[in-house]
Amino acid sequence: MRVVRFFLGNLPLKIGAVLLAVILYGAMIALQSTQQWPGTIAIELVNQPATASLVDAQSIPPVQDIKYIAAADVPVSQSLFRATVDLSNAKPSESDSLLVKVKLVAEDPRIQIIDYQPQQIAIKLEPIIHKTVQVVVDKVAVPSGLSPGAPIVTPPTVDVSGASSIVRSVAYAQASVRIDASGLDVNADVDLVARDASNNQVNNVTFNPRTVHVQMLIGSQIRTETVPVDPALTGTPAAGYWVTSIDISPLSAAVSGQADALAVLSGKASTQPISVAGATGDVTKTVNLALPSGVASTVGPITVTVHLASPSTTRSVSVGVVLLGARTDRIYNLSTPSVIVTLGGATAALNAFDTSTLVATVSVGTLDAGAHTLILTITVPPGIKVVTISPAGIVVTVTVPPSPSPSPSPLPSV
């Protein structure tokens, strides 16, 4: 009963309050009618994975046809709207496009967004890959009468990265060099442009490094010659070793330059220094050519293998004889306690061998009593051989010691 009185008590007053609220809401709607903003808002991509790249970002449409509710005195401008696409959960794919939601917000809370287009867009988000490509120098507008020499590019290859489908199309990196009419040599850092197999420019990729250094001789009398490669050896091998032969790959190099610059070569192209100091075996190095100023070559690193050897010699040492398997109940007499052993091998190997550790062995464990002529065995390290043993065998006489006499029995006591 109290509940009924609660709802029915002051009923006219309550009905009046409801009617007033309806009137006020209607007035607010009338004052804040739906409006359409005529401009466009660029869509921002946020939280894009570091391992993914957007393909054809220029094709993303802007947000437009923005409908909103705001009081007449609320200023509306482009800076008050922000359109975003959250890519934090997007999975990169080279084959499939992604349908993502567009979120539009108003920075002023007095602006209520009712509708906008588009609310979804399709994008192509691909995994980022890397690829190594060759740098190709493009000589731009060579003046008449000038002959550019072969360019030297440092580094000759670069890393290109970006969306997988785009990077796969990159065939090479182009470094364009403009030849000055004054004939000055080129010595500059040059920006790179990605090109496909049809020489078309490929955009939206990143090079590492972004530039390369190009050197090029320019002249009216540039000549090219092919000269042998001359390895520049420094230092002395270890004692007892000398150089027997040298393998070079490639054996020759094409060099270019003015006639007076080429004359400095004296008919050969020297390499950077190759040290053989203290070497006891073959030395293999990969080095560049050490060319004088004004001379260039397109030949890359040179592989040089220096073969070393040591002269053979012999050395005689006295070596003690060691019995193997000797029994404690036998007596062994040797015809000689030591023998003269002649060793052969490389001088360096013999110099390094500690002959005090050398022994000559014979096995006597199975010998019966009597005289036996046995052949000696000597073990030497690899690279050393036993030339002779003098004498080659020894006589081992085996005797059995006499049994001890029995002790006399004690006399009986009286």
Protein backbone atom coordinates (compact mmCIF):
# COMPACT_ATOMS: atom_id res chain seq x y z
CA MET A 1 0.00 0.00 0.00
CA ARG A 2 2.89 2.30 0.82
CA VAL A 3 4.41 1.50 -2.56
CA VAL A 4 1.21 2.54 -4.35
CA ARG A 5 1.05 5.78 -2.39
CA PHE A 6 4.73 6.43 -3.28
CA PHE A 7 4.04 6.25 -7.02
CA LEU A 8 0.64 8.03 -6.91
CA GLY A 9 1.58 10.70 -4.39
CA ASN A 10 2.14 14.10 -6.01
CA LEU A 11 1.28 12.54 -9.37
CA PRO A 12 0.52 15.82 -11.14
CA LEU A 13 3.91 17.20 -10.09
CA LYS A 14 5.76 14.16 -11.41
CA ILE A 15 3.90 14.20 -14.71
CA GLY A 16 4.82 17.84 -15.10
CA ALA A 17 8.49 17.12 -14.52
CA VAL A 18 8.52 14.43 -17.21
CA LEU A 19 6.82 16.73 -19.71
CA LEU A 20 9.38 19.44 -18.95
CA ALA A 21 12.27 17.04 -19.57
CA VAL A 22 10.76 15.99 -22.91
CA ILE A 23 10.37 19.61 -23.92
CA LEU A 24 13.95 20.47 -22.94
CA TYR A 25 15.37 17.43 -24.83
CA GLY A 26 13.35 18.38 -27.90
CA ALA A 27 14.70 21.91 -27.66
CA MET A 28 18.27 20.60 -27.42
CA ILE A 29 17.78 18.43 -30.51
CA ALA A 30 16.33 21.39 -32.34
CA LEU A 31 19.32 23.55 -31.36
CA GLN A 32 21.85 20.80 -32.24
CA SER A 33 20.62 19.51 -35.57
CA THR A 34 22.65 16.99 -37.62
CA GLN A 35 25.28 18.68 -39.80
CA GLN A 36 27.79 17.48 -42.44
CA TRP A 37 31.38 18.69 -42.54
CA PRO A 38 32.52 19.21 -46.16
CA GLY A 39 36.24 18.45 -45.73
CA THR A 40 38.34 15.25 -45.64
CA ILE A 41 40.56 13.69 -42.95
CA ALA A 42 43.67 11.65 -43.82
CA ILE A 43 43.76 8.22 -42.17
CA GLU A 44 46.72 7.52 -39.85
CA LEU A 45 48.08 3.99 -39.44
CA VAL A 46 49.06 3.35 -35.81
CA ASN A 47 50.88 0.47 -34.09
CA GLN A 48 52.22 -0.90 -37.37
CA PRO A 49 54.46 -3.97 -36.69
CA ALA A 50 58.17 -3.25 -37.09
CA THR A 51 58.52 -6.35 -39.29
CA ALA A 52 55.81 -5.28 -41.76
CA SER A 53 55.57 -2.69 -44.54
CA LEU A 54 52.49 -1.09 -46.10
CA VAL A 55 52.15 -1.49 -49.87
CA ASP A 56 50.74 1.45 -51.87
CA ALA A 57 50.01 3.74 -48.94
CA GLN A 58 48.98 6.46 -51.42
CA SER A 59 45.85 4.48 -52.31
CA ILE A 60 44.33 4.77 -48.81
CA PRO A 61 41.24 7.01 -49.15
CA PRO A 62 40.55 9.86 -46.70
CA VAL A 63 37.56 9.98 -44.37
CA GLN A 64 34.75 12.18 -45.72
CA ASP A 65 30.96 12.70 -45.49
CA ILE A 66 31.35 13.32 -41.76
CA LYS A 67 27.95 13.82 -40.09
CA TYR A 68 27.86 15.21 -36.56
CA ILE A 69 25.78 17.01 -33.96
CA ALA A 70 27.04 20.16 -32.30
CA ALA A 71 25.66 23.43 -31.03
CA ALA A 72 25.64 26.28 -33.50
CA ASP A 73 28.27 28.18 -31.55
CA VAL A 74 30.80 25.26 -31.58
CA PRO A 75 33.53 25.90 -34.18
CA VAL A 76 34.31 22.84 -36.34
CA SER A 77 37.60 22.52 -38.25
CA GLN A 78 39.85 19.81 -39.72
CA SER A 79 42.17 19.88 -36.70
CA LEU A 80 39.33 18.69 -34.43
CA PHE A 81 39.01 15.30 -36.19
CA ARG A 82 41.42 12.34 -36.16
CA ALA A 83 40.98 9.18 -38.23
CA THR A 84 43.09 6.14 -37.33
CA VAL A 85 43.53 2.45 -38.18
CA ASP A 86 45.04 0.26 -35.43
CA LEU A 87 47.40 -2.37 -36.90
CA SER A 88 48.58 -3.87 -33.60
CA ASN A 89 46.79 -7.17 -34.35
CA ALA A 90 47.31 -7.16 -38.13
CA LYS A 91 49.08 -10.20 -39.61
CA PRO A 92 51.34 -9.38 -42.61
CA SER A 93 50.69 -11.40 -45.77
CA GLU A 94 52.13 -11.16 -49.27
CA SER A 95 49.07 -12.80 -50.85
CA ASP A 96 46.04 -11.44 -48.96
CA SER A 97 44.68 -7.96 -48.26
CA LEU A 98 43.45 -6.96 -44.81
CA LEU A 99 40.05 -5.40 -44.05
CA VAL A 100 40.57 -3.00 -41.15
CA LYS A 101 38.28 -0.70 -39.17
CA VAL A 102 38.59 3.08 -39.42
CA LYS A 103 38.05 4.99 -36.17
CA LEU A 104 37.08 8.68 -36.28
CA VAL A 105 37.09 10.77 -33.10
CA ALA A 106 36.46 14.44 -32.37
CA GLU A 107 38.89 16.24 -30.09
CA ASP A 108 36.09 18.54 -28.83
CA PRO A 109 33.63 16.61 -26.61
CA ARG A 110 30.83 18.97 -27.71
CA ILE A 111 30.97 17.40 -31.15
CA GLN A 112 29.06 14.11 -31.46
CA ILE A 113 29.98 12.11 -34.60
CA ILE A 114 26.98 10.35 -36.13
CA ASP A 115 28.37 8.88 -39.35
CA TYR A 116 31.38 8.97 -41.72
CA GLN A 117 32.74 7.15 -44.76
CA PRO A 118 34.59 4.85 -45.13
CA GLN A 119 34.34 2.95 -41.85
CA GLN A 120 36.44 0.06 -43.21
CA ILE A 121 39.29 -0.04 -45.72
CA ALA A 122 41.34 -2.77 -47.39
CA ILE A 123 45.13 -2.50 -47.05
CA LYS A 124 48.11 -4.59 -48.18
CA LEU A 125 50.51 -5.24 -45.29
CA GLU A 126 53.46 -7.44 -46.25
CA PRO A 127 56.42 -8.83 -44.27
CA ILE A 128 59.71 -6.94 -44.60
CA ILE A 129 62.51 -8.90 -46.30
CA HIS A 130 66.14 -8.14 -47.17
CA LYS A 131 68.08 -8.76 -50.38
CA THR A 132 71.64 -8.06 -51.57
CA VAL A 133 71.89 -6.40 -54.99
CA GLN A 134 74.73 -5.21 -57.21
CA VAL A 135 75.43 -1.51 -57.64
CA VAL A 136 75.47 -0.40 -61.30
CA VAL A 137 76.95 2.98 -62.23
CA ASP A 138 75.01 4.97 -64.84
CA LYS A 139 77.12 7.57 -66.67
CA VAL A 140 74.80 10.51 -67.36
CA ALA A 141 75.38 12.86 -70.29
CA VAL A 142 79.03 12.16 -71.11
CA PRO A 143 80.40 15.25 -72.89
CA SER A 144 81.84 14.75 -76.35
CA GLY A 145 85.57 14.04 -76.38
CA LEU A 146 85.73 12.60 -72.87
CA SER A 147 86.28 8.91 -72.08
CA PRO A 148 85.22 7.85 -68.57
CA GLY A 149 87.29 5.03 -67.13
CA ALA A 150 85.93 1.99 -65.31
CA PRO A 151 84.16 3.05 -62.09
CA ILE A 152 85.26 1.81 -58.68
CA VAL A 153 82.24 1.44 -56.39
CA THR A 154 82.51 1.10 -52.62
CA PRO A 155 80.73 -1.03 -51.55
CA PRO A 156 79.97 -2.92 -54.78
CA THR A 157 76.79 -4.46 -53.29
CA VAL A 158 74.13 -3.09 -50.93
CA ASP A 159 71.25 -4.41 -48.85
CA VAL A 160 67.72 -3.49 -49.97
CA SER A 161 64.73 -4.00 -47.67
CA GLY A 162 60.99 -3.38 -47.75
CA ALA A 163 57.70 -5.11 -48.49
CA SER A 164 58.38 -8.62 -49.76
CA SER A 165 56.66 -8.32 -53.16
CA ILE A 166 58.43 -5.01 -53.88
CA VAL A 167 61.92 -6.17 -52.81
CA ARG A 168 61.63 -9.31 -54.95
CA SER A 169 61.25 -7.09 -58.03
CA VAL A 170 64.49 -5.14 -57.39
CA ALA A 171 67.21 -6.27 -59.83
CA TYR A 172 69.98 -3.77 -59.02
CA ALA A 173 70.81 -0.45 -57.39
CA GLN A 174 71.61 2.37 -59.78
CA ALA A 175 74.16 5.06 -58.95
CA SER A 176 73.87 7.88 -61.49
CA VAL A 177 77.04 9.90 -62.12
CA ARG A 178 77.06 13.06 -64.20
CA ILE A 179 80.32 13.67 -66.08
CA ASP A 180 81.49 17.27 -65.90
CA ALA A 181 82.51 18.92 -69.17
CA SER A 182 85.73 20.05 -67.50
CA GLY A 183 86.92 16.44 -67.47
CA LEU A 184 87.43 16.28 -63.70
CA ASP A 185 87.71 12.80 -62.22
CA VAL A 186 84.68 11.54 -60.29
CA ASN A 187 85.23 11.02 -56.57
CA ALA A 188 81.90 11.38 -54.77
CA ASP A 189 79.17 9.76 -52.66
CA VAL A 190 76.15 8.94 -54.85
CA ASP A 191 72.53 8.25 -53.92
CA LEU A 192 70.96 4.96 -55.04
CA VAL A 193 67.80 4.24 -57.01
CA ALA A 194 66.21 0.77 -57.10
CA ARG A 195 65.57 -0.67 -60.57
CA ASP A 196 63.77 -3.82 -61.74
CA ALA A 197 64.85 -6.17 -64.52
CA SER A 198 63.19 -3.84 -67.08
CA ASN A 199 65.14 -0.84 -65.70
CA ASN A 200 61.97 0.69 -64.24
CA GLN A 201 62.31 2.55 -60.93
CA VAL A 202 61.13 0.68 -57.83
CA ASN A 203 59.86 2.86 -54.98
CA ASN A 204 59.21 2.30 -51.28
CA VAL A 205 62.41 0.38 -50.52
CA THR A 206 65.34 1.20 -48.22
CA PHE A 207 69.04 0.79 -49.04
CA ASN A 208 71.78 0.07 -46.51
CA PRO A 209 74.00 1.95 -46.99
CA ARG A 210 71.91 4.69 -48.60
CA THR A 211 74.83 5.93 -50.71
CA VAL A 212 77.95 4.45 -52.31
CA HIS A 213 81.31 6.04 -53.11
CA VAL A 214 82.16 6.19 -56.80
CA GLN A 215 85.61 6.87 -58.23
CA MET A 216 86.09 7.24 -61.96
CA LEU A 217 88.93 8.55 -64.09
CA ILE A 218 87.89 10.99 -66.80
CA GLY A 219 90.15 11.93 -69.66
CA SER A 220 90.59 12.24 -73.37
CA GLN A 221 93.37 9.63 -73.53
CA ILE A 222 92.13 6.97 -71.11
CA ARG A 223 93.57 3.57 -72.00
CA THR A 224 92.85 0.09 -70.68
CA GLU A 225 95.53 -2.57 -70.33
CA THR A 226 95.61 -6.10 -68.95
CA VAL A 227 98.55 -6.71 -66.65
CA PRO A 228 99.57 -9.63 -64.40
CA VAL A 229 98.80 -9.46 -60.69
CA ASP A 230 101.93 -9.25 -58.55
CA PRO A 231 101.53 -10.39 -54.89
CA ALA A 232 103.41 -8.10 -52.50
CA LEU A 233 104.90 -10.43 -49.87
CA THR A 234 106.32 -9.01 -46.65
CA GLY A 235 108.22 -10.65 -43.79
CA THR A 236 110.25 -13.85 -43.59
CA PRO A 237 108.86 -17.35 -42.91
CA ALA A 238 109.96 -19.30 -39.83
CA ALA A 239 113.51 -20.66 -39.80
CA GLY A 240 113.86 -23.61 -42.15
CA TYR A 241 110.94 -22.61 -44.43
CA TRP A 242 110.91 -20.93 -47.81
CA VAL A 243 108.35 -20.04 -50.50
CA THR A 244 107.96 -22.78 -53.11
CA SER A 245 105.08 -21.39 -55.20
CA ILE A 246 102.27 -18.82 -55.20
CA ASP A 247 98.69 -19.31 -56.46
CA ILE A 248 96.88 -16.13 -57.59
CA SER A 249 93.20 -15.75 -58.57
CA PRO A 250 92.65 -13.96 -60.87
CA LEU A 251 96.08 -14.00 -62.47
CA SER A 252 95.62 -10.71 -64.34
CA ALA A 253 93.68 -7.45 -64.02
CA ALA A 254 92.33 -4.91 -66.50
CA VAL A 255 93.54 -1.45 -65.46
CA SER A 256 92.70 1.92 -66.98
CA GLY A 257 94.13 5.41 -66.80
CA GLN A 258 96.13 8.02 -68.60
CA ALA A 259 99.27 6.77 -70.33
CA ASP A 260 101.61 8.37 -67.79
CA ALA A 261 99.68 6.86 -64.88
CA LEU A 262 99.75 3.38 -66.40
CA ALA A 263 103.50 3.70 -66.90
CA VAL A 264 103.94 3.80 -63.12
CA LEU A 265 102.71 0.20 -62.93
CA SER A 266 105.77 -1.07 -64.87
CA GLY A 267 103.62 -3.74 -66.48
CA LYS A 268 102.14 -5.30 -63.31
CA ALA A 269 99.46 -4.62 -60.70
CA SER A 270 100.70 -5.11 -57.15
CA THR A 271 98.45 -6.27 -54.34
CA GLN A 272 98.19 -4.89 -50.86
CA PRO A 273 100.90 -6.32 -48.54
CA ILE A 274 100.65 -10.03 -47.66
CA SER A 275 102.64 -11.00 -44.56
CA VAL A 276 104.36 -14.40 -44.32
CA ALA A 277 106.38 -13.43 -41.23
CA GLY A 278 106.99 -16.46 -39.00
CA ALA A 279 104.77 -18.73 -41.11
CA THR A 280 105.26 -22.50 -40.85
CA GLY A 281 102.62 -23.49 -43.41
CA ASP A 282 100.72 -22.23 -46.44
CA VAL A 283 99.34 -18.67 -46.15
CA THR A 284 96.07 -17.70 -47.91
CA LYS A 285 94.90 -14.07 -48.01
CA THR A 286 92.22 -12.10 -49.87
CA VAL A 287 93.43 -8.58 -50.68
CA ASN A 288 92.74 -5.69 -53.05
CA LEU A 289 95.04 -4.23 -55.64
CA ALA A 290 97.31 -1.38 -54.49
CA LEU A 291 97.04 0.87 -57.53
CA PRO A 292 98.79 4.24 -57.90
CA SER A 293 96.85 7.49 -58.21
CA GLY A 294 95.17 7.87 -61.58
CA VAL A 295 94.81 4.12 -62.20
CA ALA A 296 91.56 2.20 -61.74
CA SER A 297 90.47 -1.43 -62.12
CA THR A 298 87.16 -3.29 -62.00
CA VAL A 299 88.85 -6.41 -60.63
CA GLY A 300 87.63 -7.22 -57.14
CA PRO A 301 89.55 -8.82 -54.26
CA ILE A 302 92.50 -11.05 -55.20
CA THR A 303 92.96 -14.45 -53.51
CA VAL A 304 96.63 -15.32 -52.96
CA THR A 305 97.94 -18.62 -51.54
CA VAL A 306 101.64 -18.72 -50.64
CA HIS A 307 102.98 -22.29 -50.43
CA LEU A 308 105.85 -22.87 -47.98
CA ALA A 309 108.22 -25.83 -47.57
CA SER A 310 111.23 -26.78 -45.49
CA PRO A 311 114.36 -28.57 -46.90
CA SER A 312 114.85 -32.21 -46.03
CA THR A 313 117.84 -33.18 -43.87
CA THR A 314 119.01 -35.95 -41.55
CA ARG A 315 120.17 -36.02 -37.96
CA SER A 316 121.74 -38.84 -35.89
CA VAL A 317 121.07 -39.24 -32.17
CA SER A 318 121.93 -41.83 -29.52
CA VAL A 319 118.79 -43.57 -28.26
CA GLY A 320 118.51 -45.80 -25.20
CA VAL A 321 116.99 -49.29 -25.43
CA VAL A 322 113.91 -50.03 -23.30
CA LEU A 323 112.66 -53.56 -22.58
CA LEU A 324 108.94 -54.13 -22.83
CA GLY A 325 107.27 -56.86 -20.76
CA ALA A 326 110.37 -57.76 -18.71
CA ARG A 327 109.66 -60.42 -16.03
CA THR A 328 110.84 -60.07 -12.47
CA ASP A 329 112.01 -63.71 -12.36
CA ARG A 330 114.37 -63.30 -15.27
CA ILE A 331 117.69 -61.56 -15.81
CA TYR A 332 118.18 -59.72 -19.15
CA ASN A 333 121.55 -58.76 -20.57
CA LEU A 334 121.74 -56.52 -23.68
CA SER A 335 124.49 -56.60 -26.25
CA THR A 336 124.33 -52.77 -26.18
CA PRO A 337 122.35 -50.36 -23.96
CA SER A 338 121.84 -47.82 -26.76
CA VAL A 339 121.81 -47.48 -30.55
CA ILE A 340 122.50 -44.71 -33.07
CA VAL A 341 119.30 -43.59 -34.87
CA THR A 342 119.40 -41.44 -38.02
CA LEU A 343 116.24 -39.36 -38.47
CA GLY A 344 115.12 -37.71 -41.70
CA GLY A 345 112.59 -34.93 -42.48
CA ALA A 346 112.12 -31.20 -42.92
CA THR A 347 114.73 -29.10 -41.18
CA ALA A 348 112.05 -27.14 -39.33
CA ALA A 349 110.35 -30.34 -38.15
CA LEU A 350 113.64 -31.82 -36.91
CA ASN A 351 114.50 -28.57 -35.14
CA ALA A 352 111.18 -28.65 -33.33
CA PHE A 353 111.46 -32.34 -32.31
CA ASP A 354 112.73 -33.05 -28.77
CA THR A 355 114.92 -36.14 -29.37
CA SER A 356 115.42 -36.67 -25.61
CA THR A 357 111.95 -38.28 -25.59
CA LEU A 358 112.98 -40.87 -28.22
CA VAL A 359 113.44 -44.53 -27.16
CA ALA A 360 114.12 -47.83 -28.93
CA THR A 361 111.99 -50.72 -27.65
CA VAL A 362 112.11 -54.51 -27.77
CA SER A 363 109.51 -56.94 -26.43
CA VAL A 364 110.96 -59.58 -24.10
CA GLY A 365 107.91 -60.79 -22.18
CA THR A 366 107.68 -64.14 -24.04
CA LEU A 367 111.39 -64.94 -24.27
CA ASP A 368 112.74 -68.18 -22.83
CA ALA A 369 116.21 -68.50 -21.32
CA GLY A 370 118.98 -68.11 -23.86
CA ALA A 371 120.31 -65.60 -26.38
CA HIS A 372 117.84 -63.86 -28.72
CA THR A 373 118.48 -61.41 -31.59
CA LEU A 374 115.67 -58.84 -31.67
CA ILE A 375 114.71 -56.00 -34.02
CA LEU A 376 114.30 -52.56 -32.40
CA THR A 377 111.14 -50.45 -32.75
CA ILE A 378 111.25 -46.64 -32.73
CA THR A 379 108.16 -44.36 -32.92
CA VAL A 380 108.54 -40.85 -34.38
CA PRO A 381 105.99 -38.03 -34.94
CA PRO A 382 104.40 -37.29 -38.36
CA GLY A 383 106.74 -35.54 -40.77
CA ILE A 384 109.81 -37.36 -39.42
CA LYS A 385 111.04 -40.80 -40.46
CA VAL A 386 113.63 -43.26 -39.20
CA VAL A 387 116.35 -43.61 -41.86
CA THR A 388 118.65 -46.12 -40.14
CA ILE A 389 119.19 -47.80 -36.76
CA SER A 390 122.73 -48.91 -35.94
CA PRO A 391 122.77 -51.68 -35.02
CA ALA A 392 119.34 -52.59 -36.40
CA GLY A 393 118.97 -55.35 -33.80
CA ILE A 394 120.47 -56.33 -30.49
CA VAL A 395 121.14 -59.61 -28.68
CA VAL A 396 119.18 -60.10 -25.47
CA THR A 397 120.44 -62.92 -23.22
CA VAL A 398 117.85 -64.22 -20.79
CA THR A 399 118.90 -66.19 -17.71
CA VAL A 400 116.97 -67.68 -14.84
CA PRO A 401 118.46 -66.78 -11.48
CA PRO A 402 119.30 -69.80 -9.21
CA SER A 403 116.82 -70.72 -6.52
CA PRO A 404 117.97 -69.66 -3.04
CA SER A 405 119.53 -72.44 -0.82
CA PRO A 406 117.20 -73.76 1.92
CA SER A 407 117.95 -72.46 5.39
CA PRO A 408 119.66 -75.06 7.75
CA SER A 409 117.41 -76.71 10.35
CA PRO A 410 118.05 -75.51 13.93
CA LEU A 411 119.94 -77.96 16.28
CA PRO A 412 117.81 -79.57 18.99
CA SER A 413 118.37 -78.05 22.41
CA VAL A 414 119.86 -80.21 25.23
